[in-house]
Amino acid sequence: MNNEQNENFKLQNIELSNNIKSLLRDSDSFIIKNFKHLKISDYSYKIDEAIKELFLDENIVCGLIEDYIIQILKSKIDFYKYIDELKEDSLNGKILDYTKIKDLAHKNLGVARNLHIEDAQILLKEIMNKENLDYLKLCAKALEISVIKLNPQFAYETLKLIEVKDSL
């Protein structure tokens, strides 16, 4: 990597870090503004529930949570892609098929249930049951916030890896 590429990479990392900090700083107001009716604004994850239910030790559950964070951060890209495809279909007068979004939400819902991540469960159910594209986009953003709150440092590292992979 030459000096210019190295400096560019450092700037991207600073920008990503600042984006996560901003997202977390503004997350409560975003959730209250858009999802007050879901009563998830005061939610705080409690790992003990998952440990008891799954009969696993904390380290293993933490590993499962990290896998879930990766899964959701990758899935959010697909959620946005599917929503954009549906918006384009809508503009072209096509019948809207929400199957891809619903299937992806359903896949992620099972993991959220197993890990007892209640705010994510509620958001994923909304994604499975609603057909308002603007609202679905807000749900995808709220889901991203949910996983970043679980482990901001790990989410940052994951997003950094996704950016590097996408740049190749």
N, C-alpha and C. Protein backbone atom coordinates (compact mmCIF):
# COMPACT_ATOMS: atom_id res chain seq x y z
N MET A 1 0.86 -1.16 0.00
CA MET A 1 0.00 0.00 0.00
C MET A 1 0.91 1.23 0.00
N ASN A 2 0.71 2.14 -0.98
CA ASN A 2 1.53 3.34 -1.01
C ASN A 2 1.02 4.37 0.01
N ASN A 3 1.77 5.45 0.21
CA ASN A 3 1.43 6.45 1.22
C ASN A 3 0.07 7.08 0.98
N GLU A 4 -0.25 7.38 -0.28
CA GLU A 4 -1.54 7.99 -0.59
C GLU A 4 -2.70 7.06 -0.23
N GLN A 5 -2.57 5.78 -0.56
CA GLN A 5 -3.60 4.81 -0.22
C GLN A 5 -3.72 4.65 1.29
N ASN A 6 -2.59 4.64 1.98
CA ASN A 6 -2.57 4.50 3.43
C ASN A 6 -3.28 5.69 4.09
N GLU A 7 -3.01 6.89 3.64
CA GLU A 7 -3.66 8.10 4.18
C GLU A 7 -5.16 8.07 3.89
N ASN A 8 -5.52 7.64 2.70
CA ASN A 8 -6.93 7.53 2.32
C ASN A 8 -7.65 6.53 3.23
N PHE A 9 -6.99 5.40 3.51
CA PHE A 9 -7.56 4.37 4.38
C PHE A 9 -7.75 4.93 5.80
N LYS A 10 -6.77 5.67 6.31
CA LYS A 10 -6.88 6.28 7.64
C LYS A 10 -8.05 7.25 7.69
N LEU A 11 -8.21 8.06 6.65
CA LEU A 11 -9.32 9.01 6.60
C LEU A 11 -10.66 8.29 6.56
N GLN A 12 -10.73 7.19 5.83
CA GLN A 12 -11.97 6.40 5.79
C GLN A 12 -12.29 5.83 7.16
N ASN A 13 -11.26 5.36 7.89
CA ASN A 13 -11.48 4.82 9.24
C ASN A 13 -11.97 5.90 10.18
N ILE A 14 -11.40 7.09 10.09
CA ILE A 14 -11.85 8.21 10.93
C ILE A 14 -13.29 8.55 10.60
N GLU A 15 -13.60 8.58 9.31
CA GLU A 15 -14.97 8.90 8.89
C GLU A 15 -15.95 7.83 9.39
N LEU A 16 -15.58 6.57 9.28
CA LEU A 16 -16.44 5.48 9.76
C LEU A 16 -16.64 5.58 11.26
N SER A 17 -15.57 5.81 11.99
CA SER A 17 -15.66 5.97 13.44
C SER A 17 -16.57 7.13 13.81
N ASN A 18 -16.41 8.25 13.12
CA ASN A 18 -17.27 9.41 13.38
C ASN A 18 -18.73 9.13 13.04
N ASN A 19 -18.96 8.36 11.97
CA ASN A 19 -20.33 7.99 11.60
C ASN A 19 -20.99 7.14 12.68
N ILE A 20 -20.24 6.20 13.24
CA ILE A 20 -20.78 5.35 14.30
C ILE A 20 -21.06 6.18 15.55
N LYS A 21 -20.14 7.05 15.91
CA LYS A 21 -20.35 7.92 17.08
C LYS A 21 -21.59 8.79 16.88
N SER A 22 -21.73 9.34 15.70
CA SER A 22 -22.89 10.18 15.40
C SER A 22 -24.18 9.36 15.43
N LEU A 23 -24.14 8.18 14.87
CA LEU A 23 -25.30 7.30 14.86
C LEU A 23 -25.73 6.97 16.28
N LEU A 24 -24.77 6.63 17.13
CA LEU A 24 -25.10 6.30 18.52
C LEU A 24 -25.61 7.52 19.28
N ARG A 25 -25.00 8.67 19.02
CA ARG A 25 -25.41 9.91 19.70
C ARG A 25 -26.86 10.26 19.35
N ASP A 26 -27.22 10.07 18.09
CA ASP A 26 -28.55 10.45 17.62
C ASP A 26 -29.56 9.31 17.66
N SER A 27 -29.13 8.14 18.10
CA SER A 27 -29.98 6.95 18.00
C SER A 27 -31.26 7.06 18.83
N ASP A 28 -31.16 7.57 20.05
CA ASP A 28 -32.35 7.65 20.90
C ASP A 28 -33.42 8.53 20.27
N SER A 29 -33.01 9.69 19.78
CA SER A 29 -34.01 10.59 19.18
C SER A 29 -34.59 9.99 17.89
N PHE A 30 -33.76 9.29 17.12
CA PHE A 30 -34.25 8.62 15.90
C PHE A 30 -35.29 7.56 16.24
N ILE A 31 -34.99 6.75 17.24
CA ILE A 31 -35.92 5.68 17.63
C ILE A 31 -37.21 6.27 18.20
N ILE A 32 -37.10 7.26 19.06
CA ILE A 32 -38.30 7.88 19.64
C ILE A 32 -39.15 8.52 18.55
N LYS A 33 -38.51 9.24 17.64
CA LYS A 33 -39.24 9.94 16.57
C LYS A 33 -39.98 8.97 15.65
N ASN A 34 -39.33 7.87 15.28
CA ASN A 34 -39.89 6.99 14.26
C ASN A 34 -40.56 5.72 14.79
N PHE A 35 -40.27 5.34 16.03
CA PHE A 35 -40.75 4.05 16.53
C PHE A 35 -41.33 4.13 17.94
N LYS A 36 -41.82 5.29 18.31
CA LYS A 36 -42.41 5.45 19.64
C LYS A 36 -43.49 4.40 19.88
N HIS A 37 -44.27 4.10 18.84
CA HIS A 37 -45.36 3.14 18.95
C HIS A 37 -44.88 1.71 19.24
N LEU A 38 -43.62 1.42 19.00
CA LEU A 38 -43.08 0.08 19.25
C LEU A 38 -42.52 -0.08 20.66
N LYS A 39 -42.37 1.03 21.35
CA LYS A 39 -41.87 1.02 22.75
C LYS A 39 -40.52 0.31 22.88
N ILE A 40 -39.58 0.68 22.00
CA ILE A 40 -38.23 0.10 22.07
C ILE A 40 -37.17 1.12 22.44
N SER A 41 -37.56 2.36 22.67
CA SER A 41 -36.57 3.42 22.89
C SER A 41 -35.76 3.23 24.17
N ASP A 42 -36.34 2.60 25.18
CA ASP A 42 -35.62 2.40 26.45
C ASP A 42 -35.01 1.01 26.56
N TYR A 43 -35.04 0.26 25.48
CA TYR A 43 -34.56 -1.12 25.54
C TYR A 43 -33.05 -1.17 25.73
N SER A 44 -32.63 -2.09 26.59
CA SER A 44 -31.22 -2.36 26.81
C SER A 44 -31.05 -3.88 26.87
N TYR A 45 -30.16 -4.40 26.06
CA TYR A 45 -29.96 -5.84 25.97
C TYR A 45 -29.40 -6.40 27.27
N LYS A 46 -29.93 -7.56 27.67
CA LYS A 46 -29.46 -8.26 28.86
C LYS A 46 -29.01 -9.65 28.45
N ILE A 47 -27.72 -9.84 28.42
CA ILE A 47 -27.13 -11.10 27.96
C ILE A 47 -27.51 -12.28 28.85
N ASP A 48 -27.81 -12.00 30.12
CA ASP A 48 -28.12 -13.09 31.07
C ASP A 48 -29.31 -13.93 30.61
N GLU A 49 -30.28 -13.30 29.97
CA GLU A 49 -31.45 -14.05 29.50
C GLU A 49 -31.04 -15.09 28.46
N ALA A 50 -30.18 -14.70 27.54
CA ALA A 50 -29.71 -15.63 26.50
C ALA A 50 -28.86 -16.75 27.12
N ILE A 51 -28.02 -16.40 28.08
CA ILE A 51 -27.16 -17.39 28.73
C ILE A 51 -28.02 -18.46 29.41
N LYS A 52 -29.04 -18.02 30.16
CA LYS A 52 -29.92 -18.97 30.86
C LYS A 52 -30.71 -19.83 29.88
N GLU A 53 -31.27 -19.20 28.86
CA GLU A 53 -32.13 -19.91 27.90
C GLU A 53 -31.34 -20.91 27.06
N LEU A 54 -30.13 -20.53 26.65
CA LEU A 54 -29.34 -21.37 25.76
C LEU A 54 -28.43 -22.36 26.51
N PHE A 55 -28.31 -22.19 27.82
CA PHE A 55 -27.42 -23.03 28.63
C PHE A 55 -25.99 -23.00 28.11
N LEU A 56 -25.53 -21.79 27.78
CA LEU A 56 -24.17 -21.60 27.30
C LEU A 56 -23.46 -20.60 28.19
N ASP A 57 -22.12 -20.64 28.17
CA ASP A 57 -21.41 -19.65 28.98
C ASP A 57 -21.35 -18.31 28.25
N GLU A 58 -20.99 -17.29 28.99
CA GLU A 58 -21.04 -15.91 28.48
C GLU A 58 -20.14 -15.72 27.25
N ASN A 59 -18.97 -16.33 27.24
CA ASN A 59 -18.06 -16.17 26.11
C ASN A 59 -18.66 -16.70 24.81
N ILE A 60 -19.33 -17.82 24.90
CA ILE A 60 -19.96 -18.41 23.70
C ILE A 60 -21.10 -17.52 23.23
N VAL A 61 -21.92 -17.03 24.16
CA VAL A 61 -23.03 -16.15 23.78
C VAL A 61 -22.49 -14.86 23.17
N CYS A 62 -21.40 -14.33 23.73
CA CYS A 62 -20.78 -13.13 23.15
C CYS A 62 -20.33 -13.39 21.72
N GLY A 63 -19.78 -14.58 21.48
CA GLY A 63 -19.40 -14.95 20.12
C GLY A 63 -20.59 -15.04 19.19
N LEU A 64 -21.69 -15.58 19.70
CA LEU A 64 -22.91 -15.66 18.90
C LEU A 64 -23.46 -14.26 18.59
N ILE A 65 -23.35 -13.36 19.56
CA ILE A 65 -23.79 -11.98 19.35
C ILE A 65 -22.93 -11.32 18.27
N GLU A 66 -21.63 -11.57 18.31
CA GLU A 66 -20.75 -11.02 17.28
C GLU A 66 -21.13 -11.56 15.89
N ASP A 67 -21.44 -12.86 15.82
CA ASP A 67 -21.89 -13.44 14.54
C ASP A 67 -23.18 -12.77 14.08
N TYR A 68 -24.07 -12.50 15.02
CA TYR A 68 -25.34 -11.84 14.71
C TYR A 68 -25.09 -10.41 14.19
N ILE A 69 -24.16 -9.71 14.81
CA ILE A 69 -23.82 -8.35 14.37
C ILE A 69 -23.34 -8.38 12.93
N ILE A 70 -22.46 -9.32 12.62
CA ILE A 70 -21.96 -9.46 11.24
C ILE A 70 -23.13 -9.73 10.30
N GLN A 71 -23.99 -10.66 10.69
CA GLN A 71 -25.13 -11.05 9.85
C GLN A 71 -26.03 -9.86 9.57
N ILE A 72 -26.36 -9.08 10.58
CA ILE A 72 -27.26 -7.94 10.38
C ILE A 72 -26.59 -6.85 9.56
N LEU A 73 -25.32 -6.56 9.82
CA LEU A 73 -24.65 -5.50 9.06
C LEU A 73 -24.50 -5.88 7.59
N LYS A 74 -24.35 -7.17 7.30
CA LYS A 74 -24.36 -7.61 5.91
C LYS A 74 -25.79 -7.56 5.34
N SER A 75 -26.75 -7.96 6.16
CA SER A 75 -28.14 -7.99 5.70
C SER A 75 -28.68 -6.60 5.42
N LYS A 76 -28.23 -5.60 6.17
CA LYS A 76 -28.75 -4.24 5.96
C LYS A 76 -28.47 -3.77 4.54
N ILE A 77 -27.34 -4.20 3.98
CA ILE A 77 -27.02 -3.85 2.60
C ILE A 77 -28.07 -4.44 1.68
N ASP A 78 -28.46 -5.69 1.92
CA ASP A 78 -29.49 -6.33 1.11
C ASP A 78 -30.86 -5.70 1.33
N PHE A 79 -31.18 -5.35 2.59
CA PHE A 79 -32.45 -4.68 2.84
C PHE A 79 -32.56 -3.41 2.00
N TYR A 80 -31.53 -2.58 2.04
CA TYR A 80 -31.55 -1.33 1.27
C TYR A 80 -31.63 -1.61 -0.24
N LYS A 81 -30.90 -2.63 -0.68
CA LYS A 81 -30.94 -2.98 -2.11
C LYS A 81 -32.35 -3.41 -2.52
N TYR A 82 -32.98 -4.26 -1.72
CA TYR A 82 -34.33 -4.73 -2.03
C TYR A 82 -35.34 -3.59 -2.00
N ILE A 83 -35.19 -2.70 -1.05
CA ILE A 83 -36.10 -1.55 -0.96
C ILE A 83 -35.93 -0.66 -2.19
N ASP A 84 -34.69 -0.42 -2.60
CA ASP A 84 -34.46 0.39 -3.80
C ASP A 84 -35.03 -0.28 -5.05
N GLU A 85 -34.90 -1.60 -5.13
CA GLU A 85 -35.49 -2.33 -6.26
C GLU A 85 -37.00 -2.18 -6.28
N LEU A 86 -37.62 -2.27 -5.11
CA LEU A 86 -39.08 -2.11 -5.02
C LEU A 86 -39.52 -0.69 -5.36
N LYS A 87 -38.74 0.29 -4.95
CA LYS A 87 -39.06 1.68 -5.31
C LYS A 87 -39.02 1.86 -6.82
N GLU A 88 -38.02 1.25 -7.45
CA GLU A 88 -37.90 1.33 -8.90
C GLU A 88 -39.08 0.61 -9.56
N ASP A 89 -39.44 -0.55 -9.04
CA ASP A 89 -40.60 -1.27 -9.57
C ASP A 89 -41.87 -0.44 -9.43
N SER A 90 -42.00 0.24 -8.31
CA SER A 90 -43.17 1.08 -8.08
C SER A 90 -43.23 2.21 -9.10
N LEU A 91 -42.09 2.84 -9.36
CA LEU A 91 -42.05 3.92 -10.34
C LEU A 91 -42.38 3.42 -11.75
N ASN A 92 -42.05 2.16 -12.01
CA ASN A 92 -42.32 1.56 -13.32
C ASN A 92 -43.68 0.88 -13.41
N GLY A 93 -44.49 1.05 -12.37
CA GLY A 93 -45.84 0.51 -12.37
C GLY A 93 -45.92 -1.00 -12.23
N LYS A 94 -44.87 -1.62 -11.74
CA LYS A 94 -44.87 -3.07 -11.57
C LYS A 94 -45.53 -3.45 -10.25
N ILE A 95 -45.98 -4.68 -10.17
CA ILE A 95 -46.52 -5.22 -8.92
C ILE A 95 -45.34 -5.44 -7.97
N LEU A 96 -45.50 -4.99 -6.73
CA LEU A 96 -44.41 -5.08 -5.77
C LEU A 96 -44.42 -6.43 -5.06
N ASP A 97 -43.27 -7.07 -5.09
CA ASP A 97 -43.10 -8.37 -4.44
C ASP A 97 -42.11 -8.21 -3.28
N TYR A 98 -42.62 -8.30 -2.06
CA TYR A 98 -41.82 -8.08 -0.86
C TYR A 98 -41.17 -9.37 -0.34
N THR A 99 -41.22 -10.43 -1.11
CA THR A 99 -40.74 -11.73 -0.66
C THR A 99 -39.29 -11.71 -0.19
N LYS A 100 -38.39 -11.08 -0.95
CA LYS A 100 -36.98 -11.08 -0.59
C LYS A 100 -36.76 -10.40 0.77
N ILE A 101 -37.42 -9.28 0.98
CA ILE A 101 -37.28 -8.55 2.25
C ILE A 101 -37.84 -9.39 3.40
N LYS A 102 -39.01 -9.96 3.20
CA LYS A 102 -39.64 -10.75 4.25
C LYS A 102 -38.82 -11.99 4.58
N ASP A 103 -38.28 -12.65 3.57
CA ASP A 103 -37.44 -13.83 3.80
C ASP A 103 -36.18 -13.49 4.57
N LEU A 104 -35.55 -12.37 4.21
CA LEU A 104 -34.33 -11.95 4.89
C LEU A 104 -34.63 -11.58 6.35
N ALA A 105 -35.74 -10.89 6.57
CA ALA A 105 -36.13 -10.53 7.94
C ALA A 105 -36.43 -11.79 8.75
N HIS A 106 -37.11 -12.75 8.14
CA HIS A 106 -37.45 -13.99 8.84
C HIS A 106 -36.19 -14.76 9.24
N LYS A 107 -35.23 -14.81 8.34
CA LYS A 107 -33.96 -15.50 8.62
C LYS A 107 -33.27 -14.86 9.83
N ASN A 108 -33.25 -13.54 9.87
CA ASN A 108 -32.58 -12.83 10.96
C ASN A 108 -33.40 -12.87 12.26
N LEU A 109 -34.69 -13.01 12.14
CA LEU A 109 -35.56 -13.04 13.32
C LEU A 109 -35.25 -14.26 14.20
N GLY A 110 -35.00 -15.39 13.58
CA GLY A 110 -34.70 -16.60 14.36
C GLY A 110 -33.49 -16.41 15.26
N VAL A 111 -32.45 -15.79 14.75
CA VAL A 111 -31.24 -15.55 15.54
C VAL A 111 -31.54 -14.54 16.66
N ALA A 112 -32.26 -13.48 16.33
CA ALA A 112 -32.61 -12.47 17.35
C ALA A 112 -33.44 -13.11 18.47
N ARG A 113 -34.34 -14.01 18.10
CA ARG A 113 -35.14 -14.71 19.12
C ARG A 113 -34.26 -15.57 20.02
N ASN A 114 -33.38 -16.35 19.42
CA ASN A 114 -32.50 -17.23 20.20
C ASN A 114 -31.63 -16.45 21.17
N LEU A 115 -31.18 -15.27 20.75
CA LEU A 115 -30.30 -14.46 21.59
C LEU A 115 -31.09 -13.49 22.48
N HIS A 116 -32.40 -13.51 22.39
CA HIS A 116 -33.27 -12.64 23.20
C HIS A 116 -32.98 -11.17 22.99
N ILE A 117 -32.79 -10.77 21.74
CA ILE A 117 -32.57 -9.37 21.40
C ILE A 117 -33.93 -8.80 21.02
N GLU A 118 -34.61 -8.27 22.01
CA GLU A 118 -36.02 -7.92 21.87
C GLU A 118 -36.30 -6.78 20.90
N ASP A 119 -35.47 -5.72 20.90
CA ASP A 119 -35.74 -4.62 19.99
C ASP A 119 -35.59 -5.08 18.54
N ALA A 120 -34.60 -5.92 18.28
CA ALA A 120 -34.40 -6.44 16.93
C ALA A 120 -35.56 -7.34 16.51
N GLN A 121 -36.08 -8.14 17.45
CA GLN A 121 -37.23 -8.99 17.14
C GLN A 121 -38.41 -8.13 16.69
N ILE A 122 -38.67 -7.07 17.41
CA ILE A 122 -39.80 -6.20 17.08
C ILE A 122 -39.59 -5.56 15.72
N LEU A 123 -38.39 -5.07 15.45
CA LEU A 123 -38.10 -4.42 14.17
C LEU A 123 -38.18 -5.41 13.01
N LEU A 124 -37.67 -6.60 13.21
CA LEU A 124 -37.72 -7.61 12.14
C LEU A 124 -39.16 -8.05 11.85
N LYS A 125 -39.99 -8.12 12.88
CA LYS A 125 -41.41 -8.43 12.66
C LYS A 125 -42.07 -7.31 11.87
N GLU A 126 -41.70 -6.07 12.16
CA GLU A 126 -42.23 -4.94 11.39
C GLU A 126 -41.83 -5.07 9.92
N ILE A 127 -40.57 -5.41 9.67
CA ILE A 127 -40.10 -5.56 8.30
C ILE A 127 -40.85 -6.69 7.59
N MET A 128 -41.17 -7.74 8.32
CA MET A 128 -41.89 -8.87 7.72
C MET A 128 -43.35 -8.53 7.42
N ASN A 129 -43.93 -7.60 8.17
CA ASN A 129 -45.36 -7.38 8.07
C ASN A 129 -45.80 -6.08 7.42
N LYS A 130 -44.89 -5.17 7.18
CA LYS A 130 -45.25 -3.88 6.60
C LYS A 130 -44.84 -3.82 5.14
N GLU A 131 -45.55 -2.98 4.40
CA GLU A 131 -45.23 -2.84 2.98
C GLU A 131 -45.12 -1.37 2.57
N ASN A 132 -44.68 -0.54 3.49
CA ASN A 132 -44.41 0.87 3.22
C ASN A 132 -42.90 1.01 3.08
N LEU A 133 -42.43 1.34 1.88
CA LEU A 133 -41.00 1.32 1.60
C LEU A 133 -40.21 2.32 2.45
N ASP A 134 -40.77 3.51 2.67
CA ASP A 134 -40.07 4.49 3.51
C ASP A 134 -39.95 3.99 4.95
N TYR A 135 -41.02 3.39 5.44
CA TYR A 135 -41.01 2.84 6.80
C TYR A 135 -40.03 1.67 6.89
N LEU A 136 -39.97 0.83 5.87
CA LEU A 136 -39.04 -0.30 5.88
C LEU A 136 -37.59 0.19 5.92
N LYS A 137 -37.31 1.28 5.22
CA LYS A 137 -35.97 1.85 5.24
C LYS A 137 -35.62 2.34 6.65
N LEU A 138 -36.59 2.95 7.32
CA LEU A 138 -36.38 3.39 8.71
C LEU A 138 -36.14 2.19 9.63
N CYS A 139 -36.88 1.11 9.39
CA CYS A 139 -36.69 -0.11 10.20
C CYS A 139 -35.29 -0.68 10.00
N ALA A 140 -34.81 -0.68 8.76
CA ALA A 140 -33.46 -1.20 8.49
C ALA A 140 -32.42 -0.35 9.22
N LYS A 141 -32.61 0.97 9.23
CA LYS A 141 -31.69 1.85 9.94
C LYS A 141 -31.75 1.59 11.45
N ALA A 142 -32.95 1.42 11.99
CA ALA A 142 -33.11 1.13 13.42
C ALA A 142 -32.48 -0.21 13.78
N LEU A 143 -32.57 -1.18 12.89
CA LEU A 143 -31.95 -2.49 13.12
C LEU A 143 -30.43 -2.35 13.16
N GLU A 144 -29.88 -1.54 12.28
CA GLU A 144 -28.45 -1.26 12.29
C GLU A 144 -28.04 -0.62 13.63
N ILE A 145 -28.82 0.34 14.08
CA ILE A 145 -28.55 0.99 15.37
C ILE A 145 -28.57 -0.05 16.49
N SER A 146 -29.56 -0.94 16.44
CA SER A 146 -29.70 -1.98 17.45
C SER A 146 -28.44 -2.82 17.58
N VAL A 147 -27.87 -3.24 16.47
CA VAL A 147 -26.68 -4.10 16.55
C VAL A 147 -25.43 -3.31 16.90
N ILE A 148 -25.35 -2.08 16.47
CA ILE A 148 -24.19 -1.27 16.83
C ILE A 148 -24.18 -1.04 18.34
N LYS A 149 -25.36 -0.85 18.92
CA LYS A 149 -25.44 -0.66 20.37
C LYS A 149 -25.00 -1.91 21.13
N LEU A 150 -25.19 -3.09 20.56
CA LEU A 150 -24.78 -4.33 21.22
C LEU A 150 -23.28 -4.36 21.49
N ASN A 151 -22.50 -3.89 20.52
CA ASN A 151 -21.04 -3.90 20.66
C ASN A 151 -20.47 -2.92 19.64
N PRO A 152 -20.38 -1.63 20.00
CA PRO A 152 -19.92 -0.62 19.04
C PRO A 152 -18.54 -0.90 18.44
N GLN A 153 -17.61 -1.36 19.24
CA GLN A 153 -16.27 -1.62 18.73
C GLN A 153 -16.27 -2.75 17.71
N PHE A 154 -16.98 -3.83 18.01
CA PHE A 154 -17.04 -4.95 17.07
C PHE A 154 -17.78 -4.54 15.79
N ALA A 155 -18.85 -3.76 15.95
CA ALA A 155 -19.58 -3.28 14.77
C ALA A 155 -18.68 -2.42 13.89
N TYR A 156 -17.88 -1.56 14.52
CA TYR A 156 -16.93 -0.73 13.78
C TYR A 156 -15.96 -1.61 12.98
N GLU A 157 -15.38 -2.61 13.64
CA GLU A 157 -14.43 -3.50 12.97
C GLU A 157 -15.11 -4.24 11.80
N THR A 158 -16.34 -4.66 12.01
CA THR A 158 -17.08 -5.36 10.96
C THR A 158 -17.35 -4.45 9.78
N LEU A 159 -17.82 -3.24 10.06
CA LEU A 159 -18.09 -2.28 8.98
C LEU A 159 -16.81 -1.93 8.22
N LYS A 160 -15.71 -1.84 8.94
CA LYS A 160 -14.43 -1.56 8.32
C LYS A 160 -14.05 -2.69 7.35
N LEU A 161 -14.24 -3.94 7.80
CA LEU A 161 -13.95 -5.09 6.94
C LEU A 161 -14.87 -5.12 5.71
N ILE A 162 -16.13 -4.78 5.90
CA ILE A 162 -17.08 -4.75 4.78
C ILE A 162 -16.64 -3.70 3.77
N GLU A 163 -16.22 -2.52 4.24
CA GLU A 163 -15.73 -1.48 3.33
C GLU A 163 -14.50 -1.93 2.55
N VAL A 164 -13.57 -2.57 3.26
CA VAL A 164 -12.34 -3.05 2.60
C VAL A 164 -12.70 -4.07 1.53
N LYS A 165 -13.56 -5.01 1.90
CA LYS A 165 -13.97 -6.05 0.95
C LYS A 165 -14.65 -5.45 -0.27
N ASP A 166 -15.54 -4.46 -0.03
CA ASP A 166 -16.24 -3.83 -1.15
C ASP A 166 -15.32 -3.02 -2.05
N SER A 167 -14.20 -2.56 -1.50
CA SER A 167 -13.27 -1.76 -2.31
C SER A 167 -12.37 -2.61 -3.19
N LEU A 168 -12.34 -3.91 -2.93
CA LEU A 168 -11.45 -4.79 -3.71
C LEU A 168 -12.05 -5.16 -5.05
